[in-house]
């Protein structure tokens, strides 16, 4: 997904402000948080998803709202209304209720992985919110997608070598899924940076 989105970003970079690294050295802490948050967020998400159904995965991952609120209050000075705070508390309560409905007294390991993933992606989003103000959309997208691609590729080189032949063998289904996921994620972040 991130590799395909990186290619989209490179192809469209002339129309997205061009790629320039001038001045970004002042933002390295945020860039590192963004890259590592996306890389390890993806790894932990897929680790947890293996143990859960799609509905439970989405409920647990929606805790990203809570973590995003906390991190943005701490690092960006954001403020939220009482109604927004109540909505976030209800969401967090739903994650706990899903566990009790299944008769469990502690968090399922899959849910734990998904919540860790949500924290990491919240860190990615909060750092992105700040970084997108200081660089072109093309530069931001290259860092946001290319950085995690390199990290995951370096950590998973052996697994990639093993899995790629199977993905290529089922290329029509795999390519369609990868293109769809990459295009929707890429589009979200393009519009996110233009929103500022």
N, C-alpha and C. Protein backbone atom coordinates (compact mmCIF):
# COMPACT_ATOMS: atom_id res chain seq x y z
N UNK A 1 0.83 -1.20 0.00
CA UNK A 1 0.00 0.00 0.00
C UNK A 1 0.87 1.26 0.00
N UNK A 2 1.80 1.34 0.94
CA UNK A 2 2.61 2.56 1.02
C UNK A 2 3.54 2.70 -0.18
N UNK A 3 4.04 1.55 -0.68
CA UNK A 3 4.90 1.60 -1.87
C UNK A 3 4.15 2.08 -3.09
N UNK A 4 2.92 1.59 -3.27
CA UNK A 4 2.10 2.02 -4.41
C UNK A 4 1.73 3.49 -4.28
N UNK A 5 1.38 3.92 -3.07
CA UNK A 5 1.05 5.34 -2.85
C UNK A 5 2.28 6.22 -3.08
N UNK A 6 3.48 5.72 -2.76
CA UNK A 6 4.70 6.47 -3.04
C UNK A 6 4.85 6.70 -4.54
N UNK A 7 4.57 5.65 -5.33
CA UNK A 7 4.63 5.80 -6.80
C UNK A 7 3.61 6.82 -7.30
N UNK A 8 2.39 6.78 -6.75
CA UNK A 8 1.38 7.79 -7.11
C UNK A 8 1.92 9.19 -6.84
N UNK A 9 2.52 9.36 -5.65
CA UNK A 9 3.05 10.66 -5.26
C UNK A 9 4.15 11.15 -6.19
N UNK A 10 5.05 10.24 -6.58
CA UNK A 10 6.14 10.62 -7.48
C UNK A 10 5.59 11.01 -8.85
N UNK A 11 4.62 10.25 -9.35
CA UNK A 11 4.04 10.54 -10.67
C UNK A 11 3.29 11.87 -10.68
N UNK A 12 2.60 12.17 -9.59
CA UNK A 12 1.76 13.38 -9.53
C UNK A 12 2.47 14.57 -8.89
N UNK A 13 3.73 14.38 -8.48
CA UNK A 13 4.43 15.45 -7.75
C UNK A 13 4.48 16.79 -8.48
N UNK A 14 4.63 16.84 -9.82
CA UNK A 14 4.64 18.17 -10.46
C UNK A 14 3.35 18.96 -10.24
N UNK A 15 2.23 18.26 -10.05
CA UNK A 15 0.93 18.94 -9.84
C UNK A 15 0.61 19.13 -8.36
N UNK A 16 1.49 18.62 -7.49
CA UNK A 16 1.25 18.72 -6.04
C UNK A 16 2.32 19.56 -5.34
N UNK A 17 2.87 20.51 -6.07
CA UNK A 17 3.82 21.45 -5.48
C UNK A 17 5.28 21.07 -5.63
N UNK A 18 5.56 19.94 -6.28
CA UNK A 18 6.95 19.52 -6.46
C UNK A 18 7.59 19.04 -5.18
N UNK A 19 8.69 18.32 -5.32
CA UNK A 19 9.39 17.77 -4.16
C UNK A 19 10.61 18.64 -3.85
N UNK A 20 10.67 19.11 -2.63
CA UNK A 20 11.81 19.92 -2.20
C UNK A 20 12.09 19.62 -0.73
N UNK A 21 13.36 19.39 -0.42
CA UNK A 21 13.75 19.12 0.96
C UNK A 21 14.37 20.35 1.63
N UNK A 22 14.26 21.48 0.96
CA UNK A 22 14.83 22.72 1.51
C UNK A 22 14.07 23.13 2.77
N UNK A 23 14.79 23.27 3.88
CA UNK A 23 14.19 23.75 5.12
C UNK A 23 13.56 22.69 5.99
N UNK A 24 13.46 21.44 5.49
CA UNK A 24 12.76 20.44 6.32
C UNK A 24 13.63 19.91 7.46
N UNK A 25 14.93 20.29 7.45
CA UNK A 25 15.80 19.81 8.53
C UNK A 25 15.34 20.30 9.90
N UNK A 26 14.54 21.38 9.92
CA UNK A 26 14.02 21.90 11.19
C UNK A 26 12.89 21.02 11.76
N UNK A 27 12.39 20.10 10.95
CA UNK A 27 11.21 19.32 11.33
C UNK A 27 11.50 17.84 11.47
N UNK A 28 12.80 17.46 11.62
CA UNK A 28 13.15 16.04 11.67
C UNK A 28 12.46 15.27 12.79
N UNK A 29 12.31 15.80 14.00
CA UNK A 29 11.62 15.00 15.04
C UNK A 29 10.20 14.61 14.60
N UNK A 30 9.45 15.56 14.05
CA UNK A 30 8.10 15.27 13.57
C UNK A 30 8.10 14.30 12.41
N UNK A 31 9.07 14.45 11.51
CA UNK A 31 9.17 13.54 10.35
C UNK A 31 9.44 12.12 10.81
N UNK A 32 10.33 11.96 11.79
CA UNK A 32 10.65 10.61 12.30
C UNK A 32 9.42 10.00 12.98
N UNK A 33 8.70 10.80 13.78
CA UNK A 33 7.48 10.30 14.42
C UNK A 33 6.46 9.89 13.37
N UNK A 34 6.30 10.71 12.32
CA UNK A 34 5.34 10.41 11.26
C UNK A 34 5.69 9.09 10.57
N UNK A 35 6.96 8.94 10.19
CA UNK A 35 7.39 7.74 9.46
C UNK A 35 7.26 6.49 10.33
N UNK A 36 7.77 6.55 11.56
CA UNK A 36 7.72 5.38 12.43
C UNK A 36 6.29 5.06 12.87
N UNK A 37 5.47 6.10 13.08
CA UNK A 37 4.07 5.88 13.44
C UNK A 37 3.33 5.13 12.35
N UNK A 38 3.54 5.53 11.09
CA UNK A 38 2.87 4.84 9.98
C UNK A 38 3.42 3.43 9.78
N UNK A 39 4.74 3.28 9.85
CA UNK A 39 5.35 1.97 9.62
C UNK A 39 4.91 0.96 10.68
N UNK A 40 5.10 1.31 11.96
CA UNK A 40 4.77 0.37 13.02
C UNK A 40 3.26 0.29 13.27
N UNK A 41 2.54 1.36 12.94
CA UNK A 41 1.08 1.30 13.00
C UNK A 41 0.53 0.26 12.04
N UNK A 42 1.07 0.22 10.83
CA UNK A 42 0.64 -0.79 9.84
C UNK A 42 0.99 -2.20 10.29
N UNK A 43 2.20 -2.37 10.83
CA UNK A 43 2.63 -3.69 11.28
C UNK A 43 1.74 -4.20 12.41
N UNK A 44 1.47 -3.36 13.41
CA UNK A 44 0.65 -3.80 14.54
C UNK A 44 -0.81 -3.98 14.14
N UNK A 45 -1.30 -3.17 13.18
CA UNK A 45 -2.68 -3.33 12.72
C UNK A 45 -2.88 -4.70 12.09
N UNK A 46 -1.99 -5.07 11.18
CA UNK A 46 -2.14 -6.36 10.52
C UNK A 46 -1.85 -7.52 11.46
N UNK A 47 -1.02 -7.30 12.47
CA UNK A 47 -0.79 -8.34 13.48
C UNK A 47 -2.07 -8.61 14.27
N UNK A 48 -2.79 -7.55 14.62
CA UNK A 48 -4.04 -7.71 15.37
C UNK A 48 -5.18 -8.22 14.53
N UNK A 49 -5.25 -7.77 13.29
CA UNK A 49 -6.36 -8.13 12.40
C UNK A 49 -6.44 -9.63 12.15
N UNK A 50 -5.31 -10.32 12.24
CA UNK A 50 -5.30 -11.77 12.02
C UNK A 50 -6.16 -12.51 13.03
N UNK A 51 -6.37 -11.92 14.22
CA UNK A 51 -7.08 -12.59 15.30
C UNK A 51 -8.52 -12.13 15.46
N UNK A 52 -8.97 -11.16 14.66
CA UNK A 52 -10.27 -10.53 14.90
C UNK A 52 -11.14 -10.53 13.65
N UNK A 53 -12.44 -10.42 13.86
CA UNK A 53 -13.33 -10.20 12.73
C UNK A 53 -13.28 -8.71 12.37
N UNK A 54 -13.78 -8.38 11.18
CA UNK A 54 -13.68 -7.01 10.67
C UNK A 54 -14.40 -6.00 11.57
N UNK A 55 -15.55 -6.38 12.13
CA UNK A 55 -16.31 -5.45 12.98
C UNK A 55 -15.56 -5.09 14.25
N UNK A 56 -15.02 -6.10 14.94
CA UNK A 56 -14.26 -5.85 16.17
C UNK A 56 -13.02 -5.03 15.86
N UNK A 57 -12.37 -5.34 14.74
CA UNK A 57 -11.18 -4.58 14.34
C UNK A 57 -11.51 -3.10 14.19
N UNK A 58 -12.62 -2.80 13.51
CA UNK A 58 -12.97 -1.40 13.28
C UNK A 58 -13.36 -0.69 14.56
N UNK A 59 -14.06 -1.39 15.46
CA UNK A 59 -14.43 -0.76 16.73
C UNK A 59 -13.17 -0.45 17.54
N UNK A 60 -12.25 -1.41 17.62
CA UNK A 60 -11.02 -1.19 18.38
C UNK A 60 -10.18 -0.08 17.75
N UNK A 61 -10.11 -0.07 16.41
CA UNK A 61 -9.28 0.93 15.74
C UNK A 61 -9.88 2.34 15.86
N UNK A 62 -11.22 2.41 16.05
CA UNK A 62 -11.80 3.74 16.20
C UNK A 62 -11.35 4.43 17.47
N UNK A 63 -10.64 3.72 18.35
CA UNK A 63 -10.03 4.39 19.51
C UNK A 63 -8.98 5.41 19.07
N UNK A 64 -8.64 5.41 17.78
CA UNK A 64 -7.71 6.41 17.24
C UNK A 64 -8.22 7.83 17.53
N UNK A 65 -9.55 7.98 17.61
CA UNK A 65 -10.11 9.30 17.93
C UNK A 65 -9.68 9.76 19.31
N UNK A 66 -9.75 8.85 20.28
CA UNK A 66 -9.35 9.18 21.65
C UNK A 66 -7.86 9.55 21.69
N UNK A 67 -7.02 8.71 21.09
CA UNK A 67 -5.59 8.96 21.11
C UNK A 67 -5.24 10.23 20.33
N UNK A 68 -5.94 10.45 19.22
CA UNK A 68 -5.71 11.67 18.43
C UNK A 68 -6.05 12.92 19.22
N UNK A 69 -7.16 12.86 19.96
CA UNK A 69 -7.55 14.00 20.80
C UNK A 69 -6.50 14.26 21.87
N UNK A 70 -6.08 13.21 22.57
CA UNK A 70 -5.09 13.39 23.63
C UNK A 70 -3.78 13.95 23.09
N UNK A 71 -3.28 13.37 22.01
CA UNK A 71 -2.01 13.83 21.44
C UNK A 71 -2.11 15.24 20.88
N UNK A 72 -3.24 15.55 20.24
CA UNK A 72 -3.37 16.90 19.69
C UNK A 72 -3.53 17.95 20.79
N UNK A 73 -4.14 17.57 21.90
CA UNK A 73 -4.22 18.50 23.04
C UNK A 73 -2.83 18.73 23.63
N UNK A 74 -2.05 17.67 23.74
CA UNK A 74 -0.71 17.77 24.33
C UNK A 74 0.25 18.52 23.41
N UNK A 75 0.27 18.14 22.12
CA UNK A 75 1.31 18.65 21.22
C UNK A 75 0.88 19.81 20.33
N UNK A 76 -0.42 19.92 20.04
CA UNK A 76 -0.88 20.99 19.16
C UNK A 76 -1.71 22.05 19.89
N UNK A 77 -2.00 21.81 21.18
CA UNK A 77 -2.80 22.77 21.94
C UNK A 77 -4.26 22.81 21.51
N UNK A 78 -4.77 21.73 20.94
CA UNK A 78 -6.17 21.68 20.48
C UNK A 78 -7.13 21.67 21.67
N UNK A 79 -8.33 22.19 21.42
CA UNK A 79 -9.39 22.19 22.43
C UNK A 79 -10.64 21.57 21.81
N UNK A 80 -11.40 20.83 22.62
CA UNK A 80 -12.59 20.15 22.11
C UNK A 80 -13.79 20.47 22.99
N UNK A 81 -14.96 20.41 22.38
CA UNK A 81 -16.19 20.73 23.11
C UNK A 81 -16.60 19.57 24.01
N UNK A 82 -17.52 19.83 24.92
CA UNK A 82 -18.02 18.79 25.82
C UNK A 82 -18.72 17.69 25.02
N UNK A 83 -19.44 18.07 23.95
CA UNK A 83 -20.12 17.09 23.11
C UNK A 83 -19.12 16.15 22.44
N UNK A 84 -18.03 16.73 21.93
CA UNK A 84 -17.00 15.89 21.31
C UNK A 84 -16.37 14.96 22.34
N UNK A 85 -16.11 15.47 23.53
CA UNK A 85 -15.53 14.65 24.59
C UNK A 85 -16.45 13.50 24.97
N UNK A 86 -17.76 13.76 25.06
CA UNK A 86 -18.73 12.70 25.37
C UNK A 86 -18.74 11.63 24.29
N UNK A 87 -18.69 12.05 23.03
CA UNK A 87 -18.66 11.10 21.92
C UNK A 87 -17.44 10.19 21.98
N UNK A 88 -16.30 10.75 22.33
CA UNK A 88 -15.06 9.97 22.41
C UNK A 88 -15.14 8.98 23.58
N UNK A 89 -15.70 9.41 24.70
CA UNK A 89 -15.85 8.52 25.85
C UNK A 89 -16.80 7.36 25.52
N UNK A 90 -17.90 7.65 24.82
CA UNK A 90 -18.83 6.59 24.39
C UNK A 90 -18.15 5.60 23.47
N UNK A 91 -17.32 6.09 22.58
CA UNK A 91 -16.59 5.23 21.65
C UNK A 91 -15.65 4.29 22.42
N UNK A 92 -14.93 4.84 23.38
CA UNK A 92 -14.01 4.02 24.16
C UNK A 92 -14.79 2.98 24.97
N UNK A 93 -15.95 3.37 25.51
CA UNK A 93 -16.79 2.43 26.26
C UNK A 93 -17.26 1.29 25.36
N UNK A 94 -17.53 1.58 24.08
CA UNK A 94 -17.99 0.53 23.16
C UNK A 94 -16.91 -0.51 22.95
N UNK A 95 -15.64 -0.11 22.94
CA UNK A 95 -14.54 -1.06 22.79
C UNK A 95 -14.54 -2.03 23.97
N UNK A 96 -14.75 -1.48 25.18
CA UNK A 96 -14.76 -2.32 26.38
C UNK A 96 -15.98 -3.24 26.37
N UNK A 97 -17.16 -2.71 25.95
CA UNK A 97 -18.38 -3.51 25.91
C UNK A 97 -18.29 -4.67 24.93
N UNK A 98 -17.62 -4.48 23.81
CA UNK A 98 -17.44 -5.56 22.84
C UNK A 98 -16.71 -6.72 23.50
N UNK A 99 -15.74 -6.42 24.34
CA UNK A 99 -14.99 -7.47 25.03
C UNK A 99 -15.89 -8.22 26.01
N UNK A 100 -16.71 -7.48 26.79
CA UNK A 100 -17.58 -8.12 27.76
C UNK A 100 -18.67 -8.94 27.09
N UNK A 101 -19.13 -8.49 25.94
CA UNK A 101 -20.15 -9.23 25.20
C UNK A 101 -19.63 -10.61 24.83
N UNK A 102 -18.33 -10.69 24.59
CA UNK A 102 -17.72 -11.97 24.25
C UNK A 102 -17.33 -12.76 25.49
N UNK A 103 -17.68 -12.24 26.68
CA UNK A 103 -17.42 -12.96 27.91
C UNK A 103 -15.97 -12.96 28.35
N UNK A 104 -15.22 -11.95 27.96
CA UNK A 104 -13.81 -11.90 28.32
C UNK A 104 -13.59 -10.87 29.42
N UNK A 105 -12.70 -11.18 30.34
CA UNK A 105 -12.41 -10.26 31.44
C UNK A 105 -11.22 -9.37 31.13
N UNK A 106 -10.46 -9.71 30.12
CA UNK A 106 -9.32 -8.87 29.74
C UNK A 106 -9.33 -8.67 28.24
N UNK A 107 -8.57 -7.70 27.78
CA UNK A 107 -8.53 -7.40 26.35
C UNK A 107 -7.96 -8.57 25.57
N UNK A 108 -8.62 -8.90 24.48
CA UNK A 108 -8.13 -9.90 23.54
C UNK A 108 -6.79 -9.43 22.99
N UNK A 109 -5.82 -10.32 22.79
CA UNK A 109 -4.52 -9.89 22.23
C UNK A 109 -4.66 -9.16 20.90
N UNK A 110 -5.61 -9.60 20.07
CA UNK A 110 -5.84 -8.92 18.79
C UNK A 110 -6.30 -7.49 18.99
N UNK A 111 -7.20 -7.28 19.96
CA UNK A 111 -7.69 -5.93 20.26
C UNK A 111 -6.54 -5.08 20.79
N UNK A 112 -5.69 -5.67 21.63
CA UNK A 112 -4.54 -4.94 22.15
C UNK A 112 -3.65 -4.45 21.02
N UNK A 113 -3.36 -5.33 20.04
CA UNK A 113 -2.55 -4.93 18.88
C UNK A 113 -3.21 -3.79 18.12
N UNK A 114 -4.53 -3.88 17.93
CA UNK A 114 -5.24 -2.84 17.17
C UNK A 114 -5.21 -1.51 17.92
N UNK A 115 -5.35 -1.54 19.24
CA UNK A 115 -5.30 -0.30 20.02
C UNK A 115 -3.90 0.32 19.96
N UNK A 116 -2.86 -0.52 20.04
CA UNK A 116 -1.49 -0.01 19.87
C UNK A 116 -1.34 0.62 18.50
N UNK A 117 -1.89 -0.03 17.49
CA UNK A 117 -1.86 0.51 16.13
C UNK A 117 -2.56 1.87 16.07
N UNK A 118 -3.70 1.99 16.74
CA UNK A 118 -4.44 3.25 16.75
C UNK A 118 -3.62 4.37 17.39
N UNK A 119 -2.89 4.04 18.48
CA UNK A 119 -2.03 5.04 19.13
C UNK A 119 -0.95 5.50 18.15
N UNK A 120 -0.32 4.54 17.45
CA UNK A 120 0.75 4.87 16.50
C UNK A 120 0.23 5.70 15.33
N UNK A 121 -0.94 5.32 14.80
CA UNK A 121 -1.50 6.10 13.70
C UNK A 121 -1.97 7.48 14.16
N UNK A 122 -2.40 7.59 15.43
CA UNK A 122 -2.76 8.91 15.96
C UNK A 122 -1.52 9.80 16.02
N UNK A 123 -0.37 9.22 16.44
CA UNK A 123 0.89 9.98 16.44
C UNK A 123 1.25 10.40 15.02
N UNK A 124 1.03 9.50 14.06
CA UNK A 124 1.25 9.81 12.65
C UNK A 124 0.38 11.00 12.21
N UNK A 125 -0.90 10.95 12.56
CA UNK A 125 -1.83 12.01 12.14
C UNK A 125 -1.51 13.35 12.78
N UNK A 126 -1.18 13.33 14.07
CA UNK A 126 -0.88 14.59 14.76
C UNK A 126 0.39 15.21 14.21
N UNK A 127 1.43 14.40 13.99
CA UNK A 127 2.66 14.95 13.40
C UNK A 127 2.41 15.41 11.98
N UNK A 128 1.57 14.69 11.23
CA UNK A 128 1.23 15.08 9.87
C UNK A 128 0.52 16.43 9.83
N UNK A 129 -0.37 16.65 10.80
CA UNK A 129 -1.12 17.90 10.83
C UNK A 129 -0.19 19.09 10.92
N UNK A 130 0.89 18.94 11.68
CA UNK A 130 1.86 20.02 11.80
C UNK A 130 2.76 20.09 10.57
N UNK A 131 3.28 18.96 10.12
CA UNK A 131 4.23 18.94 9.01
C UNK A 131 3.63 19.42 7.70
N UNK A 132 2.36 19.13 7.47
CA UNK A 132 1.74 19.50 6.20
C UNK A 132 1.68 21.02 6.00
N UNK A 133 1.88 21.79 7.08
CA UNK A 133 1.88 23.26 6.98
C UNK A 133 3.24 23.79 6.51
N UNK A 134 4.27 22.97 6.58
CA UNK A 134 5.63 23.45 6.35
C UNK A 134 6.31 22.90 5.09
N UNK A 135 5.58 22.14 4.27
CA UNK A 135 6.19 21.59 3.07
C UNK A 135 5.11 21.37 2.01
N UNK A 136 5.56 21.19 0.77
CA UNK A 136 4.60 20.96 -0.31
C UNK A 136 3.90 19.62 -0.11
N UNK A 137 2.74 19.49 -0.72
CA UNK A 137 1.98 18.24 -0.64
C UNK A 137 2.81 17.08 -1.17
N UNK A 138 3.53 17.28 -2.27
CA UNK A 138 4.33 16.21 -2.87
C UNK A 138 5.44 15.76 -1.92
N UNK A 139 6.11 16.70 -1.26
CA UNK A 139 7.18 16.36 -0.32
C UNK A 139 6.61 15.61 0.87
N UNK A 140 5.50 16.13 1.40
CA UNK A 140 4.85 15.47 2.53
C UNK A 140 4.47 14.03 2.18
N UNK A 141 3.84 13.83 1.01
CA UNK A 141 3.41 12.49 0.62
C UNK A 141 4.59 11.54 0.40
N UNK A 142 5.68 12.05 -0.14
CA UNK A 142 6.86 11.21 -0.33
C UNK A 142 7.39 10.74 1.03
N UNK A 143 7.45 11.63 2.00
CA UNK A 143 7.92 11.25 3.34
C UNK A 143 6.91 10.34 4.04
N UNK A 144 5.61 10.67 3.94
CA UNK A 144 4.58 9.92 4.65
C UNK A 144 4.41 8.50 4.12
N UNK A 145 4.65 8.30 2.84
CA UNK A 145 4.51 6.96 2.25
C UNK A 145 5.85 6.30 1.97
N UNK A 146 6.80 7.05 1.44
CA UNK A 146 8.10 6.47 1.11
C UNK A 146 8.88 6.05 2.34
N UNK A 147 8.84 6.86 3.40
CA UNK A 147 9.55 6.52 4.65
C UNK A 147 9.08 5.20 5.24
N UNK A 148 7.76 5.02 5.47
CA UNK A 148 7.28 3.74 5.99
C UNK A 148 7.56 2.56 5.06
N UNK A 149 7.55 2.80 3.74
CA UNK A 149 7.85 1.73 2.79
C UNK A 149 9.28 1.22 3.01
N UNK A 150 10.21 2.14 3.20
CA UNK A 150 11.61 1.75 3.43
C UNK A 150 11.75 1.02 4.76
N UNK A 151 11.10 1.54 5.82
CA UNK A 151 11.20 0.91 7.15
C UNK A 151 10.63 -0.51 7.12
N UNK A 152 9.41 -0.66 6.59
CA UNK A 152 8.77 -1.98 6.54
C UNK A 152 9.56 -2.91 5.63
N UNK A 153 10.03 -2.40 4.50
CA UNK A 153 10.84 -3.23 3.59
C UNK A 153 12.10 -3.73 4.25
N UNK A 154 12.76 -2.87 5.02
CA UNK A 154 14.00 -3.26 5.70
C UNK A 154 13.72 -4.30 6.80
N UNK A 155 12.61 -4.13 7.53
CA UNK A 155 12.29 -5.04 8.61
C UNK A 155 11.72 -6.38 8.12
N UNK A 156 11.11 -6.37 6.94
CA UNK A 156 10.39 -7.55 6.46
C UNK A 156 10.93 -8.09 5.15
N UNK A 157 12.19 -7.84 4.85
CA UNK A 157 12.74 -8.24 3.55
C UNK A 157 12.55 -9.73 3.29
N UNK A 158 12.80 -10.56 4.30
CA UNK A 158 12.68 -12.01 4.13
C UNK A 158 11.23 -12.41 3.83
N UNK A 159 10.28 -11.83 4.58
CA UNK A 159 8.86 -12.14 4.37
C UNK A 159 8.38 -11.65 3.01
N UNK A 160 8.85 -10.46 2.61
CA UNK A 160 8.46 -9.94 1.29
C UNK A 160 8.93 -10.87 0.18
N UNK A 161 10.16 -11.34 0.30
CA UNK A 161 10.71 -12.25 -0.71
C UNK A 161 9.89 -13.53 -0.79
N UNK A 162 9.40 -14.00 0.36
CA UNK A 162 8.59 -15.21 0.40
C UNK A 162 7.18 -14.98 -0.15
N UNK A 163 6.58 -13.81 0.18
CA UNK A 163 5.17 -13.57 -0.15
C UNK A 163 4.93 -13.03 -1.56
N UNK A 164 5.89 -12.29 -2.10
CA UNK A 164 5.67 -11.63 -3.40
C UNK A 164 5.31 -12.59 -4.54
N UNK A 165 5.93 -13.77 -4.65
CA UNK A 165 5.53 -14.68 -5.74
C UNK A 165 4.04 -15.05 -5.68
N UNK A 166 3.51 -15.26 -4.48
CA UNK A 166 2.09 -15.59 -4.34
C UNK A 166 1.19 -14.42 -4.72
N UNK A 167 1.63 -13.20 -4.39
CA UNK A 167 0.85 -12.00 -4.74
C UNK A 167 0.84 -11.82 -6.25
N UNK A 168 2.00 -12.04 -6.88
CA UNK A 168 2.10 -11.91 -8.34
C UNK A 168 1.24 -12.97 -9.01
N UNK A 169 1.21 -14.19 -8.46
CA UNK A 169 0.41 -15.27 -9.04
C UNK A 169 -1.08 -14.95 -9.04
N UNK A 170 -1.54 -14.21 -8.02
CA UNK A 170 -2.96 -13.81 -7.95
C UNK A 170 -3.09 -12.35 -8.34
N UNK A 171 -2.35 -11.95 -9.35
CA UNK A 171 -2.17 -10.52 -9.62
C UNK A 171 -3.45 -9.73 -9.85
N UNK A 172 -4.45 -10.29 -10.51
CA UNK A 172 -5.63 -9.46 -10.78
C UNK A 172 -6.31 -9.03 -9.48
N UNK A 173 -6.53 -9.99 -8.57
CA UNK A 173 -7.17 -9.66 -7.30
C UNK A 173 -6.25 -8.79 -6.45
N UNK A 174 -4.99 -9.18 -6.34
CA UNK A 174 -4.04 -8.44 -5.50
C UNK A 174 -3.82 -7.03 -5.99
N UNK A 175 -3.62 -6.88 -7.30
CA UNK A 175 -3.36 -5.55 -7.85
C UNK A 175 -4.56 -4.64 -7.65
N UNK A 176 -5.76 -5.15 -7.88
CA UNK A 176 -6.96 -4.34 -7.68
C UNK A 176 -7.09 -3.89 -6.23
N UNK A 177 -6.85 -4.82 -5.29
CA UNK A 177 -6.95 -4.49 -3.86
C UNK A 177 -5.89 -3.46 -3.48
N UNK A 178 -4.66 -3.65 -3.95
CA UNK A 178 -3.58 -2.73 -3.61
C UNK A 178 -3.83 -1.35 -4.20
N UNK A 179 -4.25 -1.31 -5.48
CA UNK A 179 -4.52 -0.02 -6.12
C UNK A 179 -5.66 0.72 -5.42
N UNK A 180 -6.72 -0.01 -5.07
CA UNK A 180 -7.86 0.63 -4.40
C UNK A 180 -7.44 1.18 -3.04
N UNK A 181 -6.75 0.36 -2.23
CA UNK A 181 -6.34 0.80 -0.90
C UNK A 181 -5.37 1.98 -0.99
N UNK A 182 -4.41 1.89 -1.90
CA UNK A 182 -3.42 2.97 -2.04
C UNK A 182 -4.07 4.25 -2.53
N UNK A 183 -4.99 4.14 -3.51
CA UNK A 183 -5.63 5.33 -4.08
C UNK A 183 -6.50 6.04 -3.05
N UNK A 184 -7.25 5.28 -2.25
CA UNK A 184 -8.11 5.93 -1.26
C UNK A 184 -7.28 6.58 -0.15
N UNK A 185 -6.24 5.89 0.31
CA UNK A 185 -5.36 6.46 1.33
C UNK A 185 -4.63 7.68 0.79
N UNK A 186 -4.11 7.58 -0.42
CA UNK A 186 -3.40 8.68 -1.06
C UNK A 186 -4.33 9.89 -1.22
N UNK A 187 -5.54 9.65 -1.70
CA UNK A 187 -6.51 10.73 -1.89
C UNK A 187 -6.84 11.43 -0.59
N UNK A 188 -6.99 10.65 0.49
CA UNK A 188 -7.29 11.24 1.79
C UNK A 188 -6.20 12.23 2.20
N UNK A 189 -4.94 11.83 2.06
CA UNK A 189 -3.85 12.70 2.50
C UNK A 189 -3.59 13.86 1.55
N UNK A 190 -3.92 13.70 0.27
CA UNK A 190 -3.84 14.84 -0.65
C UNK A 190 -4.83 15.90 -0.21
N UNK A 191 -6.09 15.50 0.05
CA UNK A 191 -7.11 16.47 0.46
C UNK A 191 -6.83 17.02 1.85
N UNK A 192 -6.22 16.19 2.72
CA UNK A 192 -5.85 16.64 4.06
C UNK A 192 -4.86 17.80 3.98
N UNK A 193 -3.87 17.69 3.11
CA UNK A 193 -2.87 18.76 3.01
C UNK A 193 -3.43 19.99 2.30
N UNK A 194 -4.35 19.79 1.35
CA UNK A 194 -4.95 20.94 0.68
C UNK A 194 -5.92 21.69 1.58
N UNK A 195 -6.44 21.02 2.61
CA UNK A 195 -7.44 21.62 3.49
C UNK A 195 -6.86 22.79 4.28
N UNK A 196 -5.55 22.82 4.50
CA UNK A 196 -4.97 23.84 5.38
C UNK A 196 -5.11 25.25 4.88
